[in-house]
Protein backbone atom coordinates (compact mmCIF):
# COMPACT_ATOMS: atom_id res chain seq x y z
CA MET A 1 15.11 -22.71 5.17
CA SER A 2 14.71 -20.19 7.46
CA LYS A 3 11.56 -19.00 9.20
CA ARG A 4 11.58 -15.18 7.49
CA LYS A 5 12.26 -17.38 4.11
CA ALA A 6 9.33 -19.40 4.51
CA LYS A 7 6.90 -16.71 5.40
CA LYS A 8 7.73 -14.67 2.29
CA ASN A 9 7.38 -17.62 -0.08
CA SER A 10 3.94 -18.24 1.75
CA GLU A 11 2.82 -14.65 1.46
CA ARG A 12 3.56 -15.09 -2.41
CA GLY A 13 1.59 -17.95 -2.52
CA THR A 14 -1.48 -16.42 -1.17
CA TYR A 15 -1.02 -13.24 -3.32
CA ALA A 16 -0.70 -15.87 -6.33
CA LEU A 17 -3.73 -18.04 -5.59
CA CYS A 18 -5.85 -14.78 -4.55
CA ILE A 19 -5.05 -12.85 -8.17
CA THR A 20 -5.68 -15.99 -9.96
CA THR A 21 -8.91 -16.67 -8.38
CA GLY A 22 -9.71 -13.10 -8.79
CA VAL A 23 -8.94 -13.07 -12.38
CA ILE A 24 -11.08 -16.44 -13.18
CA LEU A 25 -13.91 -15.71 -10.90
CA VAL A 26 -14.49 -12.06 -11.16
CA GLY A 27 -12.67 -11.34 -14.33
CA LEU A 28 -14.08 -14.00 -16.58
CA GLY A 29 -17.43 -14.21 -14.95
CA LEU A 30 -18.39 -10.34 -15.36
CA GLY A 31 -16.73 -10.23 -19.03
CA PRO A 32 -20.12 -10.84 -20.68
CA LEU A 33 -22.12 -8.64 -18.12
CA LEU A 34 -19.70 -5.69 -18.95
CA GLY A 35 -18.48 -6.51 -22.44
CA SER A 36 -14.99 -6.32 -21.78
CA VAL A 37 -13.02 -8.92 -20.56
CA LEU A 38 -9.81 -6.69 -20.49
CA ALA A 39 -11.56 -4.49 -17.93
CA SER A 40 -13.38 -7.10 -15.91
CA SER A 41 -10.16 -9.12 -15.62
CA ALA A 42 -8.37 -5.91 -14.34
CA ILE A 43 -11.02 -5.65 -11.97
CA GLY A 44 -10.53 -9.26 -10.88
CA VAL A 45 -6.90 -8.67 -10.30
CA LEU A 46 -7.65 -5.84 -8.04
CA VAL A 47 -10.02 -7.91 -6.23
CA GLY A 48 -7.61 -10.58 -6.02
CA VAL A 49 -4.80 -8.47 -4.40
CA ALA A 50 -7.28 -6.75 -2.13
CA ALA A 51 -8.13 -10.24 -0.86
CA GLY A 52 -4.78 -11.47 -0.82
CA TYR A 53 -3.61 -8.38 1.34
CA PHE A 54 -6.73 -9.01 3.85
CA ILE A 55 -5.82 -12.39 4.21
CA ILE A 56 -2.04 -11.83 5.01
CA ASN A 57 -2.21 -8.78 7.32
CA ARG A 58 -5.49 -9.75 9.39
CA LYS A 59 -5.15 -9.24 13.07
CA SER A 60 -5.47 -12.43 15.02
CA GLY A 61 -7.71 -12.12 18.48
CA LYS A 62 -5.12 -12.62 20.71
């Protein structure tokens, strides 16, 4: 497997993990508070995508 393909698969895995975590923690956690599980799950997905983006695209201090 080439380095490029390995990096692409790694990025997909990071996004999937962050989105799943966002849906579970934020989405289902805020469901009773907001009164709508669908709306809070959408917020969780957005939080997960943002977290995945910042994890993948952070600049190292080098």
